[in-house]
PDB file of N, CA and C in Angstrom:
ATOM      1  N   MET A   1      75.409 116.020  87.510  1.00  0.00           N
ATOM      2  CA  MET A   1      75.072 115.847  88.862  1.00  0.00           C
ATOM      3  C   MET A   1      76.254 115.292  89.650  1.00  0.00           C
ATOM      4  N   ALA A   2      76.714 115.868  90.638  1.00  0.00           N
ATOM      5  CA  ALA A   2      77.760 115.335  91.429  1.00  0.00           C
ATOM      6  C   ALA A   2      77.345 114.278  92.398  1.00  0.00           C
ATOM      7  N   LYS A   3      78.133 113.285  92.607  1.00  0.00           N
ATOM      8  CA  LYS A   3      77.821 112.265  93.501  1.00  0.00           C
ATOM      9  C   LYS A   3      78.367 112.616  94.942  1.00  0.00           C
ATOM     10  N   ILE A   4      77.625 112.257  95.961  1.00  0.00           N
ATOM     11  CA  ILE A   4      78.003 112.538  97.366  1.00  0.00           C
ATOM     12  C   ILE A   4      78.357 111.189  98.028  1.00  0.00           C
ATOM     13  N   ALA A   5      79.541 111.046  98.624  1.00  0.00           N
ATOM     14  CA  ALA A   5      79.864 109.816  99.213  1.00  0.00           C
ATOM     15  C   ALA A   5      78.960 109.580 100.474  1.00  0.00           C
ATOM     16  N   SER A   6      78.537 108.411 100.606  1.00  0.00           N
ATOM     17  CA  SER A   6      77.814 108.114 101.835  1.00  0.00           C
ATOM     18  C   SER A   6      78.760 108.101 103.101  1.00  0.00           C
ATOM     19  N   PRO A   7      78.143 108.194 104.305  1.00  0.00           N
ATOM     20  CA  PRO A   7      79.035 108.148 105.468  1.00  0.00           C
ATOM     21  C   PRO A   7      79.736 106.894 105.680  1.00  0.00           C
ATOM     22  N   GLN A   8      78.992 105.827 105.156  1.00  0.00           N
ATOM     23  CA  GLN A   8      79.774 104.409 105.338  1.00  0.00           C
ATOM     24  C   GLN A   8      80.955 104.399 104.395  1.00  0.00           C
ATOM     25  N   LEU A   9      80.779 104.936 103.166  1.00  0.00           N
ATOM     26  CA  LEU A   9      82.074 105.038 102.266  1.00  0.00           C
ATOM     27  C   LEU A   9      83.084 105.906 102.805  1.00  0.00           C
ATOM     28  N   LYS A  10      82.705 107.024 103.378  1.00  0.00           N
ATOM     29  CA  LYS A  10      83.776 107.870 103.961  1.00  0.00           C
ATOM     30  C   LYS A  10      84.487 107.096 105.158  1.00  0.00           C
ATOM     31  N   ASN A  11      83.730 106.440 105.980  1.00  0.00           N
ATOM     32  CA  ASN A  11      84.284 105.706 107.114  1.00  0.00           C
ATOM     33  C   ASN A  11      85.195 104.562 106.531  1.00  0.00           C
ATOM     34  N   ALA A  12      84.757 103.908 105.502  1.00  0.00           N
ATOM     35  CA  ALA A  12      85.507 102.793 104.909  1.00  0.00           C
ATOM     36  C   ALA A  12      86.842 103.264 104.418  1.00  0.00           C
ATOM     37  N   SER A  13      86.797 104.463 103.941  1.00  0.00           N
ATOM     38  CA  SER A  13      87.998 105.023 103.380  1.00  0.00           C
ATOM     39  C   SER A  13      88.965 105.333 104.393  1.00  0.00           C
ATOM     40  N   LYS A  14      88.450 105.938 105.581  1.00  0.00           N
ATOM     41  CA  LYS A  14      89.309 106.222 106.724  1.00  0.00           C
ATOM     42  C   LYS A  14      89.846 105.025 107.303  1.00  0.00           C
ATOM     43  N   VAL A  15      89.092 103.811 107.393  1.00  0.00           N
ATOM     44  CA  VAL A  15      89.649 102.617 107.928  1.00  0.00           C
ATOM     45  C   VAL A  15      90.720 102.078 106.970  1.00  0.00           C
ATOM     46  N   ASN A  16      90.541 102.155 105.635  1.00  0.00           N
ATOM     47  CA  ASN A  16      91.478 101.582 104.747  1.00  0.00           C
ATOM     48  C   ASN A  16      92.684 102.500 104.772  1.00  0.00           C
ATOM     49  N   LEU A  17      92.633 103.754 104.983  1.00  0.00           N
ATOM     50  CA  LEU A  17      93.801 104.564 105.109  1.00  0.00           C
ATOM     51  C   LEU A  17      94.651 104.256 106.414  1.00  0.00           C
ATOM     52  N   ALA A  18      93.877 104.081 107.427  1.00  0.00           N
ATOM     53  CA  ALA A  18      94.413 103.785 108.761  1.00  0.00           C
ATOM     54  C   ALA A  18      95.268 102.382 108.618  1.00  0.00           C
ATOM     55  N   SER A  19      94.524 101.473 107.969  1.00  0.00           N
ATOM     56  CA  SER A  19      95.080 100.076 107.794  1.00  0.00           C
ATOM     57  C   SER A  19      96.385 100.321 106.999  1.00  0.00           C
ATOM     58  N   GLN A  20      96.327 101.072 105.900  1.00  0.00           N
ATOM     59  CA  GLN A  20      97.524 101.258 105.129  1.00  0.00           C
ATOM     60  C   GLN A  20      98.737 101.878 105.967  1.00  0.00           C
ATOM     61  N   GLU A  21      98.345 102.832 106.573  1.00  0.00           N
ATOM     62  CA  GLU A  21      99.367 103.573 107.467  1.00  0.00           C
ATOM     63  C   GLU A  21      99.955 102.588 108.549  1.00  0.00           C
ATOM     64  N   ASN A  22      99.076 101.713 109.114  1.00  0.00           N
ATOM     65  CA  ASN A  22      99.513 100.653 109.987  1.00  0.00           C
ATOM     66  C   ASN A  22     100.504  99.711 109.333  1.00  0.00           C
ATOM     67  N   ASP A  23     100.095  99.230 108.152  1.00  0.00           N
ATOM     68  CA  ASP A  23     101.023  98.385 107.427  1.00  0.00           C
ATOM     69  C   ASP A  23     102.412  99.030 107.198  1.00  0.00           C
ATOM     70  N   GLN A  24     102.384 100.244 106.686  1.00  0.00           N
ATOM     71  CA  GLN A  24     103.678 100.947 106.438  1.00  0.00           C
ATOM     72  C   GLN A  24     104.466 101.027 107.649  1.00  0.00           C
ATOM     73  N   ALA A  25     103.907 101.409 108.920  1.00  0.00           N
ATOM     74  CA  ALA A  25     104.609 101.393 110.053  1.00  0.00           C
ATOM     75  C   ALA A  25     105.179 100.055 110.450  1.00  0.00           C
ATOM     76  N   GLN A  26     104.445  99.049 110.253  1.00  0.00           N
ATOM     77  CA  GLN A  26     104.883  97.656 110.502  1.00  0.00           C
ATOM     78  C   GLN A  26     106.059  97.258 109.602  1.00  0.00           C
ATOM     79  N   ILE A  27     105.988  97.558 108.385  1.00  0.00           N
ATOM     80  CA  ILE A  27     106.926  97.292 107.431  1.00  0.00           C
ATOM     81  C   ILE A  27     108.271  98.039 107.628  1.00  0.00           C
ATOM     82  N   ALA A  28     108.152  99.346 108.071  1.00  0.00           N
ATOM     83  CA  ALA A  28     109.357 100.121 108.407  1.00  0.00           C
ATOM     84  C   ALA A  28     109.913  99.593 109.611  1.00  0.00           C
ATOM     85  N   ALA A  29     109.209  99.176 110.583  1.00  0.00           N
ATOM     86  CA  ALA A  29     109.826  98.604 111.891  1.00  0.00           C
ATOM     87  C   ALA A  29     110.533  97.303 111.597  1.00  0.00           C
ATOM     88  N   LEU A  30     109.946  96.498 110.741  1.00  0.00           N
ATOM     89  CA  LEU A  30     110.589  95.274 110.505  1.00  0.00           C
ATOM     90  C   LEU A  30     111.775  95.422 109.594  1.00  0.00           C
ATOM     91  N   ALA A  31     111.732  96.319 108.623  1.00  0.00           N
ATOM     92  CA  ALA A  31     112.954  96.581 107.884  1.00  0.00           C
ATOM     93  C   ALA A  31     114.049  97.117 108.626  1.00  0.00           C
ATOM     94  N   TYR A  32     113.624  98.019 109.609  1.00  0.00           N
ATOM     95  CA  TYR A  32     114.750  98.423 110.481  1.00  0.00           C
ATOM     96  C   TYR A  32     115.284  97.269 111.336  1.00  0.00           C
ATOM     97  N   GLN A  33     114.440  96.426 111.800  1.00  0.00           N
ATOM     98  CA  GLN A  33     115.039  95.290 112.538  1.00  0.00           C
ATOM     99  C   GLN A  33     115.927  94.463 111.613  1.00  0.00           C
ATOM    100  N   PHE A  34     115.682  94.279 110.423  1.00  0.00           N
ATOM    101  CA  PHE A  34     116.600  93.503 109.567  1.00  0.00           C
ATOM    102  C   PHE A  34     117.849  94.260 109.457  1.00  0.00           C
ATOM    103  N   PHE A  35     117.861  95.561 109.390  1.00  0.00           N
ATOM    104  CA  PHE A  35     119.082  96.375 109.313  1.00  0.00           C
ATOM    105  C   PHE A  35     119.836  96.213 110.653  1.00  0.00           C
ATOM    106  N   VAL A  36     119.204  96.242 111.668  1.00  0.00           N
ATOM    107  CA  VAL A  36     119.871  96.072 112.993  1.00  0.00           C
ATOM    108  C   VAL A  36     120.505  94.718 112.995  1.00  0.00           C
ATOM    109  N   ASP A  37     119.681  93.699 112.770  1.00  0.00           N
ATOM    110  CA  ASP A  37     120.140  92.339 112.766  1.00  0.00           C
ATOM    111  C   ASP A  37     121.504  92.036 111.917  1.00  0.00           C
ATOM    112  N   ARG A  38     121.605  92.899 110.801  1.00  0.00           N
ATOM    113  CA  ARG A  38     122.724  92.663 110.022  1.00  0.00           C
ATOM    114  C   ARG A  38     123.883  93.441 110.539  1.00  0.00           C
ATOM    115  N   GLY A  39     123.819  94.092 111.690  1.00  0.00           N
ATOM    116  CA  GLY A  39     124.834  95.025 112.234  1.00  0.00           C
ATOM    117  C   GLY A  39     124.820  96.260 111.663  1.00  0.00           C
ATOM    118  N   CYS A  40     123.703  96.889 111.320  1.00  0.00           N
ATOM    119  CA  CYS A  40     123.615  98.220 110.933  1.00  0.00           C
ATOM    120  C   CYS A  40     124.414  98.556 109.669  1.00  0.00           C
ATOM    121  N   GLN A  41     124.633  97.552 108.798  1.00  0.00           N
ATOM    122  CA  GLN A  41     125.362  97.654 107.569  1.00  0.00           C
ATOM    123  C   GLN A  41     124.528  98.336 106.546  1.00  0.00           C
ATOM    124  N   ASP A  42     125.061  99.383 105.997  1.00  0.00           N
ATOM    125  CA  ASP A  42     124.424 100.235 104.923  1.00  0.00           C
ATOM    126  C   ASP A  42     124.288  99.384 103.585  1.00  0.00           C
ATOM    127  N   GLY A  43     123.406  99.920 102.879  1.00  0.00           N
ATOM    128  CA  GLY A  43     123.292  99.465 101.413  1.00  0.00           C
ATOM    129  C   GLY A  43     122.356  98.415 101.050  1.00  0.00           C
ATOM    130  N   PHE A  44     121.508  98.061 102.045  1.00  0.00           N
ATOM    131  CA  PHE A  44     120.649  97.045 101.878  1.00  0.00           C
ATOM    132  C   PHE A  44     119.075  97.536 102.079  1.00  0.00           C
ATOM    133  N   ASP A  45     118.865  98.885 102.147  1.00  0.00           N
ATOM    134  CA  ASP A  45     117.608  99.369 102.537  1.00  0.00           C
ATOM    135  C   ASP A  45     116.359  98.922 101.631  1.00  0.00           C
ATOM    136  N   ALA A  46     116.565  98.872 100.364  1.00  0.00           N
ATOM    137  CA  ALA A  46     115.597  98.475  99.450  1.00  0.00           C
ATOM    138  C   ALA A  46     115.247  96.826  99.690  1.00  0.00           C
ATOM    139  N   GLU A  47     116.362  96.176  99.878  1.00  0.00           N
ATOM    140  CA  GLU A  47     116.234  94.625 100.108  1.00  0.00           C
ATOM    141  C   GLU A  47     115.407  94.385 101.332  1.00  0.00           C
ATOM    142  N   ASP A  48     115.807  95.193 102.419  1.00  0.00           N
ATOM    143  CA  ASP A  48     115.115  95.102 103.737  1.00  0.00           C
ATOM    144  C   ASP A  48     113.735  95.469 103.656  1.00  0.00           C
ATOM    145  N   TRP A  49     113.347  96.601 102.879  1.00  0.00           N
ATOM    146  CA  TRP A  49     111.948  96.993 102.843  1.00  0.00           C
ATOM    147  C   TRP A  49     111.200  95.991 102.038  1.00  0.00           C
ATOM    148  N   LEU A  50     111.784  95.469 100.978  1.00  0.00           N
ATOM    149  CA  LEU A  50     110.882  94.442 100.244  1.00  0.00           C
ATOM    150  C   LEU A  50     110.692  93.249 100.974  1.00  0.00           C
ATOM    151  N   ARG A  51     111.731  92.815 101.705  1.00  0.00           N
ATOM    152  CA  ARG A  51     111.643  91.586 102.569  1.00  0.00           C
ATOM    153  C   ARG A  51     110.574  91.734 103.647  1.00  0.00           C
ATOM    154  N   ALA A  52     110.656  92.911 104.272  1.00  0.00           N
ATOM    155  CA  ALA A  52     109.601  93.213 105.316  1.00  0.00           C
ATOM    156  C   ALA A  52     108.206  93.300 104.829  1.00  0.00           C
ATOM    157  N   GLU A  53     108.133  93.959 103.572  1.00  0.00           N
ATOM    158  CA  GLU A  53     106.758  94.124 102.921  1.00  0.00           C
ATOM    159  C   GLU A  53     106.168  92.662 102.666  1.00  0.00           C
ATOM    160  N   ALA A  54     107.049  91.827 102.159  1.00  0.00           N
ATOM    161  CA  ALA A  54     106.559  90.468 101.745  1.00  0.00           C
ATOM    162  C   ALA A  54     106.225  89.807 103.067  1.00  0.00           C
ATOM    163  N   THR A  55     107.009  89.857 104.091  1.00  0.00           N
ATOM    164  CA  THR A  55     106.798  89.248 105.321  1.00  0.00           C
ATOM    165  C   THR A  55     105.404  89.665 105.904  1.00  0.00           C
ATOM    166  N   ILE A  56     105.123  91.012 106.023  1.00  0.00           N
ATOM    167  CA  ILE A  56     103.849  91.502 106.536  1.00  0.00           C
ATOM    168  C   ILE A  56     102.632  91.127 105.708  1.00  0.00           C
ATOM    169  N   LYS A  57     102.787  91.125 104.401  1.00  0.00           N
ATOM    170  CA  LYS A  57     101.698  90.793 103.420  1.00  0.00           C
ATOM    171  C   LYS A  57     101.369  89.232 103.618  1.00  0.00           C
ATOM    172  N   ASN A  58     102.454  88.384 103.798  1.00  0.00           N
ATOM    173  CA  ASN A  58     102.171  86.960 103.911  1.00  0.00           C
ATOM    174  C   ASN A  58     101.609  86.577 105.269  1.00  0.00           C
ATOM    175  N   LYS A  59     101.756  87.442 106.229  1.00  0.00           N
ATOM    176  CA  LYS A  59     101.093  87.147 107.624  1.00  0.00           C
ATOM    177  C   LYS A  59      99.705  87.545 107.538  1.00  0.00           C
ATOM    178  N   LYS A  60      99.242  88.431 106.695  1.00  0.00           N
ATOM    179  CA  LYS A  60      97.832  88.790 106.492  1.00  0.00           C
ATOM    180  C   LYS A  60      97.039  87.713 105.829  1.00  0.00           C
ATOM    181  N   LYS A  61      97.661  86.784 105.115  1.00  0.00           N
ATOM    182  CA  LYS A  61      96.870  85.746 104.311  1.00  0.00           C
ATOM    183  C   LYS A  61      96.221  84.780 105.226  1.00  0.00           C
TER     184      LYS A  61
END
């Protein structure tokens, strides 16, 4: 027998997805700001992303 997700579960999944997309947008914007602050110097994209990710996650605590 197949289980059917309740409307509340479907809505919770949508909210969670929207929250993840918002987090990704914030991380991308902050990583870009780190890039700009460094004078647009290439080669630090992963470092900028991880730093931005940590910063955003720490703000949520």
